[in-house]
Amino acid sequence: MKSYITILLLLLTGAACSASAQGIEFDHGSWTEIKVKAKKENKLIFLDFYTVWCAPCKKMALEVFPLPEAGEFFNMHFINVKVDAEKGEGIMLAKTYGPSGYPTLIFTDTEGKQLYRAGGAETAEELIKYGKVALNPQEDYERLKEKYAKNELGKEELYRYMVILKAKGKDAEINGVFDRYFGLFNEASKQAFEMMQEYVSSSDSKSFKYLQAHRSDFYHLAGKKQVDEFMKKLLCQELASDFFYYDKNEPLDRYLAAKRALKLKVNLTEQEELDLDKSYYQQVKDEDNFIKTSATLIEKYIYNNDEAISMILGGAYIVKKEAHLLLLKKWAEMAVAIKDNSLNYLSLALICDSLKDKTSALKYIDLCLAASKRDDDGKAEIIGQFKQRIIQHN
């Protein structure tokens, strides 16, 4: 089953980018070859660390990397590399650079020395901003760091320092810098809220507590929905960092206590709560409860959303029981009925392969290939390789 998940999400994270000639062009050479090429072309190296189960990684691959403005900037200044942190040479690179979560964006020199890092980008503008910071000399960071320690940074330099710290992935430090920056004007405004969205990542920061204390003012200035959703997102991310990353296997009672504490601070919908539960059960490899929670999500909320169903299938690498695999097949059939694209047919083909139903697997991989050619989605060659795997699979 895990091979199915790996193949499925590699389509999303890898092929989605290569399909667009205008977007960021990723090099597929070895790490040694990448460094040689970077030195030859006098470019820095940009590494996108992802995993096959990471939803934000897929979002970047589908919505940010293919954009022309991202490609224009990054193809000019960087040798770009996608790194599966759990596969092949990516395992070694992950040990070297220590991603703090996924995605993690790493910028290095031609020798592989890390210059800057970021935790991900939701827009091309944000990604390009990180790239521009990475192109700046290291002395800029050292100078600002020294002045910050002496409390000598003015408003503009504090802002510059925040940008650099964000690019370097130093989120814990950013909160303190932003608190000092925000303290220079210390008032509710739409701009202040927008900056909080970008630079505040801890509910313990002074600025986040200011937001909580003056929530009604920010509601008026920035919108109740926007403020509530930002606070919910940050608090949910803090819970996720405690329970859903790496190989953590936290006991259920601790998770439930943390979720109760979260619900005292923000209003979680039933769907959001189910999503959290599903992620917890996936993390601790509780197959029965993962399937049960996923079934509720699909039946009540996402039965007509093929992308959301695919997201659940993408987290189903823990599934081993035949009865559960048959349920995954049913969900994949639902996705195909909603949208008969190559990705949904691929899900169905690979699940059939996991069920050792070779006849059905080959049937659906052929339909997958036909849909790819019909839609001209650039995946036909890769799908052909998957078909060969199924043919060779015992």
Protein backbone atom coordinates (compact mmCIF):
# COMPACT_ATOMS: atom_id res chain seq x y z
CA MET A 1 0.00 0.00 0.00
CA LYS A 2 2.81 2.39 0.80
CA SER A 3 4.18 2.02 -2.73
CA TYR A 4 0.77 3.10 -4.02
CA ILE A 5 0.82 6.20 -1.85
CA THR A 6 4.36 7.02 -2.87
CA ILE A 7 3.56 6.73 -6.57
CA LEU A 8 0.29 8.62 -6.26
CA LEU A 9 1.73 11.61 -4.45
CA LEU A 10 4.89 11.71 -6.52
CA LEU A 11 2.58 12.54 -9.39
CA LEU A 12 1.26 15.46 -7.42
CA THR A 13 4.56 16.75 -6.07
CA GLY A 14 6.87 15.92 -8.95
CA ALA A 15 5.06 15.62 -12.23
CA ALA A 16 2.85 18.61 -11.54
CA CYS A 17 5.90 20.82 -11.64
CA SER A 18 7.66 19.26 -14.60
CA ALA A 19 4.50 19.42 -16.67
CA SER A 20 4.73 23.18 -16.92
CA ALA A 21 7.61 24.48 -18.98
CA GLN A 22 6.97 28.01 -17.73
CA GLY A 23 7.24 27.16 -14.06
CA ILE A 24 10.24 26.17 -11.98
CA GLU A 25 12.36 23.59 -13.78
CA PHE A 26 13.66 20.95 -11.34
CA ASP A 27 16.89 19.10 -12.02
CA HIS A 28 16.82 15.33 -11.50
CA GLY A 29 20.54 14.64 -11.24
CA SER A 30 22.39 13.26 -8.24
CA TRP A 31 23.46 15.61 -5.46
CA THR A 32 27.03 15.50 -6.73
CA GLU A 33 25.86 16.35 -10.26
CA ILE A 34 23.69 19.18 -8.92
CA LYS A 35 26.65 20.82 -7.18
CA VAL A 36 28.84 20.47 -10.26
CA LYS A 37 26.14 22.07 -12.40
CA ALA A 38 25.62 24.89 -9.90
CA LYS A 39 29.32 25.67 -9.90
CA LYS A 40 29.50 25.54 -13.68
CA GLU A 41 26.51 27.89 -14.09
CA ASN A 42 27.49 30.06 -11.10
CA LYS A 43 24.11 29.62 -9.41
CA LEU A 44 22.94 28.87 -5.89
CA ILE A 45 20.97 25.69 -5.20
CA PHE A 46 17.32 25.59 -4.18
CA LEU A 47 16.06 22.37 -2.56
CA ASP A 48 12.38 21.66 -1.94
CA PHE A 49 12.22 19.03 0.83
CA TYR A 50 8.87 17.22 0.70
CA THR A 51 7.27 13.92 1.63
CA VAL A 52 4.65 11.98 -0.28
CA TRP A 53 2.11 12.41 2.53
CA CYS A 54 2.53 16.18 2.94
CA ALA A 55 -0.54 18.19 1.87
CA PRO A 56 1.18 21.64 1.89
CA CYS A 57 3.90 20.14 -0.33
CA LYS A 58 1.29 19.12 -2.86
CA LYS A 59 -0.30 22.55 -2.70
CA MET A 60 3.00 24.24 -3.52
CA ALA A 61 3.67 21.75 -6.32
CA LEU A 62 0.28 22.36 -7.89
CA GLU A 63 -0.26 26.06 -7.24
CA VAL A 64 3.11 27.82 -6.80
CA PHE A 65 5.95 26.03 -8.60
CA PRO A 66 4.20 25.97 -12.03
CA LEU A 67 3.62 29.75 -12.10
CA PRO A 68 5.56 31.66 -14.78
CA GLU A 69 6.81 34.34 -12.38
CA ALA A 70 8.24 31.69 -10.06
CA GLY A 71 9.92 29.94 -12.98
CA GLU A 72 11.36 33.12 -14.42
CA PHE A 73 13.07 34.04 -11.14
CA PHE A 74 14.20 30.63 -9.91
CA ASN A 75 15.35 29.24 -13.26
CA MET A 76 17.55 32.32 -13.71
CA HIS A 77 19.18 32.29 -10.28
CA PHE A 78 19.10 28.70 -8.95
CA ILE A 79 19.61 25.05 -9.76
CA ASN A 80 16.30 23.72 -8.47
CA VAL A 81 15.94 20.30 -6.86
CA LYS A 82 12.99 18.40 -5.40
CA VAL A 83 14.00 16.13 -2.51
CA ASP A 84 11.80 13.31 -1.20
CA ALA A 85 13.07 13.27 2.40
CA GLU A 86 12.06 9.64 2.88
CA LYS A 87 13.46 8.08 -0.29
CA GLY A 88 16.82 7.40 -1.90
CA GLU A 89 19.43 10.14 -1.67
CA GLY A 90 16.83 12.36 -0.04
CA ILE A 91 17.21 10.45 3.23
CA MET A 92 20.87 11.45 3.42
CA LEU A 93 20.11 15.04 2.45
CA ALA A 94 17.37 15.25 5.09
CA LYS A 95 19.87 14.12 7.73
CA THR A 96 22.31 16.76 6.50
CA TYR A 97 19.91 19.69 6.44
CA GLY A 98 17.40 18.62 9.11
CA PRO A 99 14.02 19.76 7.77
CA SER A 100 11.90 21.01 10.68
CA GLY A 101 8.70 19.99 8.89
CA TYR A 102 7.42 19.71 5.36
CA PRO A 103 7.78 21.45 3.07
CA THR A 104 11.15 22.92 4.01
CA LEU A 105 12.88 25.11 1.43
CA ILE A 106 16.67 25.12 1.62
CA PHE A 107 19.03 27.49 -0.24
CA THR A 108 22.71 26.53 -0.46
CA ASP A 109 25.88 27.67 -2.17
CA THR A 110 27.58 25.57 -4.86
CA GLU A 111 29.30 23.45 -2.20
CA GLY A 112 26.02 22.65 -0.46
CA LYS A 113 26.53 24.99 2.49
CA GLN A 114 23.17 26.17 3.76
CA LEU A 115 22.56 29.89 3.33
CA TYR A 116 18.87 30.30 4.11
CA ARG A 117 15.77 28.22 4.70
CA ALA A 118 12.02 28.70 4.83
CA GLY A 119 9.08 26.61 5.93
CA GLY A 120 7.07 26.87 2.71
CA ALA A 121 5.35 29.47 0.55
CA GLU A 122 1.68 29.88 -0.27
CA THR A 123 2.24 32.29 -3.17
CA ALA A 124 4.82 32.88 -5.88
CA GLU A 125 5.48 36.33 -4.39
CA GLU A 126 6.38 34.82 -1.03
CA LEU A 127 8.62 32.20 -2.65
CA ILE A 128 10.42 34.80 -4.74
CA LYS A 129 10.94 36.94 -1.65
CA TYR A 130 12.75 34.03 0.00
CA GLY A 131 14.86 33.57 -3.10
CA LYS A 132 15.85 37.23 -3.11
CA VAL A 133 16.92 37.04 0.51
CA ALA A 134 18.98 33.92 -0.29
CA LEU A 135 20.87 35.85 -2.95
CA ASN A 136 22.01 38.46 -0.43
CA PRO A 137 25.39 38.17 1.27
CA GLN A 138 25.58 36.42 4.63
CA GLU A 139 27.19 39.54 6.07
CA ASP A 140 23.80 41.26 5.96
CA TYR A 141 22.38 38.70 8.35
CA GLU A 142 25.39 38.84 10.67
CA ARG A 143 25.30 42.64 10.78
CA LEU A 144 21.60 42.75 11.61
CA LYS A 145 21.96 39.99 14.19
CA GLU A 146 24.69 41.91 16.00
CA LYS A 147 22.71 45.16 15.98
CA TYR A 148 19.58 43.35 17.16
CA ALA A 149 21.46 41.93 20.15
CA LYS A 150 22.42 45.50 21.07
CA ASN A 151 18.85 46.73 20.53
CA GLU A 152 20.08 49.10 17.81
CA LEU A 153 17.72 48.17 14.97
CA GLY A 154 15.20 50.71 13.76
CA LYS A 155 11.86 49.89 12.22
CA GLU A 156 13.10 49.20 8.68
CA GLU A 157 16.05 47.09 9.81
CA LEU A 158 13.84 45.10 12.19
CA TYR A 159 11.59 44.30 9.24
CA ARG A 160 14.59 43.28 7.13
CA TYR A 161 15.87 41.07 9.93
CA MET A 162 12.46 39.36 10.19
CA VAL A 163 12.49 38.56 6.48
CA ILE A 164 15.95 37.02 6.73
CA LEU A 165 15.07 35.00 9.82
CA LYS A 166 11.96 33.68 8.13
CA ALA A 167 14.02 32.63 5.13
CA LYS A 168 16.45 30.86 7.48
CA GLY A 169 13.60 29.00 9.19
CA LYS A 170 14.25 30.54 12.61
CA ASP A 171 10.58 30.80 13.57
CA ALA A 172 11.24 30.82 17.31
CA GLU A 173 13.43 33.91 16.90
CA ILE A 174 11.04 35.64 14.50
CA ASN A 175 8.33 35.90 17.14
CA GLY A 176 10.60 37.88 19.45
CA VAL A 177 11.76 40.17 16.64
CA PHE A 178 8.21 40.81 15.52
CA ASP A 179 7.18 41.54 19.11
CA ARG A 180 9.85 44.23 19.20
CA TYR A 181 8.83 45.53 15.77
CA PHE A 182 5.13 45.56 16.68
CA GLY A 183 6.00 47.29 19.95
CA LEU A 184 7.12 50.35 18.00
CA PHE A 185 3.51 51.18 17.15
CA ASN A 186 1.57 48.63 19.27
CA GLU A 187 -1.89 49.28 17.90
CA ALA A 188 -4.59 47.38 16.07
CA SER A 189 -4.63 47.91 12.31
CA LYS A 190 -5.27 45.90 9.19
CA GLN A 191 -1.58 46.09 8.26
CA ALA A 192 -0.54 44.88 11.70
CA PHE A 193 -2.85 41.90 11.36
CA GLU A 194 -1.50 41.07 7.90
CA MET A 195 2.03 41.12 9.29
CA MET A 196 0.99 38.90 12.19
CA GLN A 197 -0.29 36.40 9.65
CA GLU A 198 3.16 36.31 8.07
CA TYR A 199 5.49 36.51 11.05
CA VAL A 200 3.71 35.21 14.17
CA SER A 201 3.90 31.47 14.73
CA SER A 202 3.55 31.11 18.50
CA SER A 203 0.55 31.64 20.74
CA ASP A 204 3.02 32.61 23.48
CA SER A 205 4.27 35.67 21.59
CA LYS A 206 3.33 39.10 22.94
CA SER A 207 1.79 40.13 19.62
CA PHE A 208 -0.48 37.08 19.48
CA LYS A 209 -1.63 37.77 23.03
CA TYR A 210 -2.26 41.39 22.00
CA LEU A 211 -4.40 40.08 19.14
CA GLN A 212 -6.38 37.93 21.55
CA ALA A 213 -6.86 40.80 24.00
CA HIS A 214 -7.96 43.23 21.27
CA ARG A 215 -9.81 40.75 19.11
CA SER A 216 -12.89 42.94 18.67
CA ASP A 217 -10.75 45.81 17.32
CA PHE A 218 -9.09 43.51 14.81
CA TYR A 219 -12.50 42.11 13.84
CA HIS A 220 -13.56 45.60 12.82
CA LEU A 221 -10.34 46.35 10.94
CA ALA A 222 -9.53 43.04 9.25
CA GLY A 223 -12.74 41.01 9.39
CA LYS A 224 -13.98 38.55 11.98
CA LYS A 225 -13.62 35.53 9.72
CA GLN A 226 -10.02 36.35 8.79
CA VAL A 227 -8.97 36.94 12.40
CA ASP A 228 -10.69 33.83 13.76
CA GLU A 229 -9.30 31.64 10.99
CA PHE A 230 -5.75 32.90 11.54
CA MET A 231 -5.95 32.21 15.26
CA LYS A 232 -7.45 28.78 14.62
CA LYS A 233 -4.80 27.95 12.03
CA LEU A 234 -1.92 28.89 14.33
CA LEU A 235 -3.33 26.98 17.30
CA CYS A 236 -4.08 23.94 15.16
CA GLN A 237 -0.54 24.05 13.75
CA GLU A 238 0.85 24.07 17.28
CA LEU A 239 -1.22 21.00 18.10
CA ALA A 240 -0.07 19.35 14.87
CA SER A 241 3.59 20.04 15.67
CA ASP A 242 3.11 18.23 18.96
CA PHE A 243 1.36 15.17 17.55
CA PHE A 244 1.54 14.75 13.77
CA TYR A 245 5.17 15.18 12.71
CA TYR A 246 8.12 12.81 12.62
CA ASP A 247 7.66 9.40 14.28
CA LYS A 248 5.82 10.62 17.34
CA ASN A 249 3.52 8.11 18.99
CA GLU A 250 1.83 10.20 21.65
CA PRO A 251 -0.81 8.45 23.82
CA LEU A 252 -4.45 9.04 23.00
CA ASP A 253 -5.31 10.64 26.36
CA ARG A 254 -2.65 13.34 25.84
CA TYR A 255 -3.94 14.08 22.34
CA LEU A 256 -7.56 14.29 23.53
CA ALA A 257 -6.55 16.62 26.38
CA ALA A 258 -4.71 18.88 23.93
CA LYS A 259 -7.72 18.91 21.61
CA ARG A 260 -10.04 19.85 24.48
CA ALA A 261 -7.73 22.73 25.38
CA LEU A 262 -7.74 23.86 21.76
CA LYS A 263 -11.55 23.84 21.63
CA LEU A 264 -11.64 26.23 24.59
CA LYS A 265 -9.72 28.77 22.48
CA VAL A 266 -11.32 28.38 19.05
CA ASN A 267 -14.50 26.99 17.57
CA LEU A 268 -13.72 23.80 15.66
CA THR A 269 -16.26 22.50 13.19
CA GLU A 270 -17.00 18.79 13.25
CA GLN A 271 -15.14 18.41 9.96
CA GLU A 272 -12.04 20.15 11.35
CA GLU A 273 -12.14 17.96 14.43
CA LEU A 274 -12.45 14.84 12.29
CA ASP A 275 -9.49 16.00 10.21
CA LEU A 276 -7.40 16.34 13.36
CA ASP A 277 -8.48 12.92 14.59
CA LYS A 278 -7.70 11.33 11.23
CA SER A 279 -4.19 12.81 11.27
CA TYR A 280 -3.62 11.55 14.82
CA TYR A 281 -4.72 8.01 13.97
CA GLN A 282 -2.57 8.05 10.85
CA GLN A 283 0.45 9.18 12.86
CA VAL A 284 0.09 6.45 15.49
CA LYS A 285 -0.75 3.87 12.77
CA ASP A 286 -4.16 3.07 14.22
CA GLU A 287 -5.60 1.62 11.02
CA ASP A 288 -9.09 0.87 12.35
CA ASN A 289 -9.74 4.36 13.68
CA PHE A 290 -8.07 5.98 10.67
CA ILE A 291 -10.52 4.18 8.38
CA LYS A 292 -13.49 4.87 10.66
CA THR A 293 -12.75 8.60 10.88
CA SER A 294 -12.01 8.86 7.15
CA ALA A 295 -15.28 7.12 6.36
CA THR A 296 -17.20 9.68 8.42
CA LEU A 297 -15.42 12.55 6.67
CA ILE A 298 -16.23 11.17 3.25
CA GLU A 299 -19.84 10.22 4.01
CA LYS A 300 -20.73 13.52 5.69
CA TYR A 301 -18.54 16.17 4.14
CA ILE A 302 -16.37 15.38 1.12
CA TYR A 303 -18.40 12.80 -0.81
CA ASN A 304 -18.47 15.14 -3.84
CA ASN A 305 -14.88 16.39 -3.63
CA ASP A 306 -12.47 14.13 -5.51
CA GLU A 307 -9.39 16.10 -4.43
CA ALA A 308 -10.28 15.77 -0.74
CA ILE A 309 -10.91 12.05 -1.20
CA SER A 310 -7.51 11.74 -2.86
CA MET A 311 -5.97 13.47 0.14
CA ILE A 312 -7.36 10.75 2.39
CA LEU A 313 -6.07 8.06 0.04
CA GLY A 314 -2.72 9.82 0.21
CA GLY A 315 -2.56 9.24 3.95
CA ALA A 316 -3.64 5.62 3.74
CA TYR A 317 -0.15 4.10 3.65
CA ILE A 318 -0.88 2.48 7.03
CA VAL A 319 -3.75 0.42 5.59
CA LYS A 320 -3.04 -3.32 5.40
CA LYS A 321 -6.34 -5.14 6.00
CA GLU A 322 -8.16 -6.43 2.94
CA ALA A 323 -11.54 -5.13 4.09
CA HIS A 324 -10.07 -1.65 4.45
CA LEU A 325 -8.34 -1.84 1.08
CA LEU A 326 -11.71 -2.70 -0.44
CA LEU A 327 -13.13 0.42 1.19
CA LEU A 328 -10.30 2.48 -0.28
CA LYS A 329 -11.20 1.03 -3.65
CA LYS A 330 -14.80 2.19 -3.17
CA TRP A 331 -13.59 5.71 -2.34
CA ALA A 332 -11.29 5.74 -5.37
CA GLU A 333 -14.27 4.71 -7.52
CA MET A 334 -16.19 7.66 -6.05
CA ALA A 335 -13.37 10.00 -7.03
CA VAL A 336 -13.36 8.65 -10.59
CA ALA A 337 -17.13 9.10 -10.81
CA ILE A 338 -16.70 12.75 -9.81
CA LYS A 339 -13.80 13.42 -12.17
CA ASP A 340 -12.36 10.85 -14.59
CA ASN A 341 -8.86 12.28 -14.70
CA SER A 342 -5.59 10.36 -14.75
CA LEU A 343 -4.86 10.88 -11.07
CA ASN A 344 -8.14 9.33 -9.91
CA TYR A 345 -7.79 6.40 -12.31
CA LEU A 346 -4.26 5.90 -11.05
CA SER A 347 -5.54 5.71 -7.47
CA LEU A 348 -7.97 3.01 -8.48
CA ALA A 349 -5.40 1.06 -10.50
CA LEU A 350 -2.85 1.01 -7.70
CA ILE A 351 -5.37 0.03 -5.05
CA CYS A 352 -6.44 -2.89 -7.27
CA ASP A 353 -2.77 -3.80 -7.56
CA SER A 354 -2.48 -3.75 -3.75
CA LEU A 355 -5.49 -6.10 -3.66
CA LYS A 356 -3.64 -8.39 -6.10
CA ASP A 357 -6.38 -7.87 -8.69
CA LYS A 358 -4.03 -7.59 -11.64
CA THR A 359 -6.77 -7.70 -14.27
CA SER A 360 -8.58 -4.68 -12.80
CA ALA A 361 -5.31 -2.89 -12.13
CA LEU A 362 -4.32 -3.14 -15.80
CA LYS A 363 -7.80 -2.09 -16.89
CA TYR A 364 -7.69 1.08 -14.82
CA ILE A 365 -4.09 1.93 -15.68
CA ASP A 366 -5.07 1.84 -19.35
CA LEU A 367 -7.99 4.18 -18.60
CA CYS A 368 -5.53 6.33 -16.66
CA LEU A 369 -3.23 6.53 -19.67
CA ALA A 370 -6.14 7.35 -21.98
CA ALA A 371 -7.31 10.16 -19.66
CA SER A 372 -3.78 11.56 -19.50
CA LYS A 373 -3.51 11.68 -23.28
CA ARG A 374 -7.01 13.15 -23.58
CA ASP A 375 -6.27 15.92 -21.10
CA ASP A 376 -2.68 16.37 -22.30
CA ASP A 377 -1.55 16.59 -18.66
CA GLY A 378 2.05 15.59 -19.32
CA LYS A 379 1.89 12.40 -17.22
CA ALA A 380 1.60 9.75 -19.94
CA GLU A 381 5.27 8.71 -19.79
CA ILE A 382 5.22 8.27 -16.02
CA ILE A 383 1.94 6.38 -16.15
CA GLY A 384 3.51 4.03 -18.70
CA GLN A 385 6.22 3.27 -16.17
CA PHE A 386 3.59 2.52 -13.54
CA LYS A 387 1.91 0.12 -15.95
CA GLN A 388 5.17 -1.78 -16.33
CA ARG A 389 5.42 -2.08 -12.55
CA ILE A 390 1.94 -3.57 -12.40
CA ILE A 391 2.76 -6.00 -15.21
CA GLN A 392 5.92 -7.12 -13.40
CA HIS A 393 4.23 -7.28 -10.00
CA ASN A 394 3.57 -10.84 -8.82
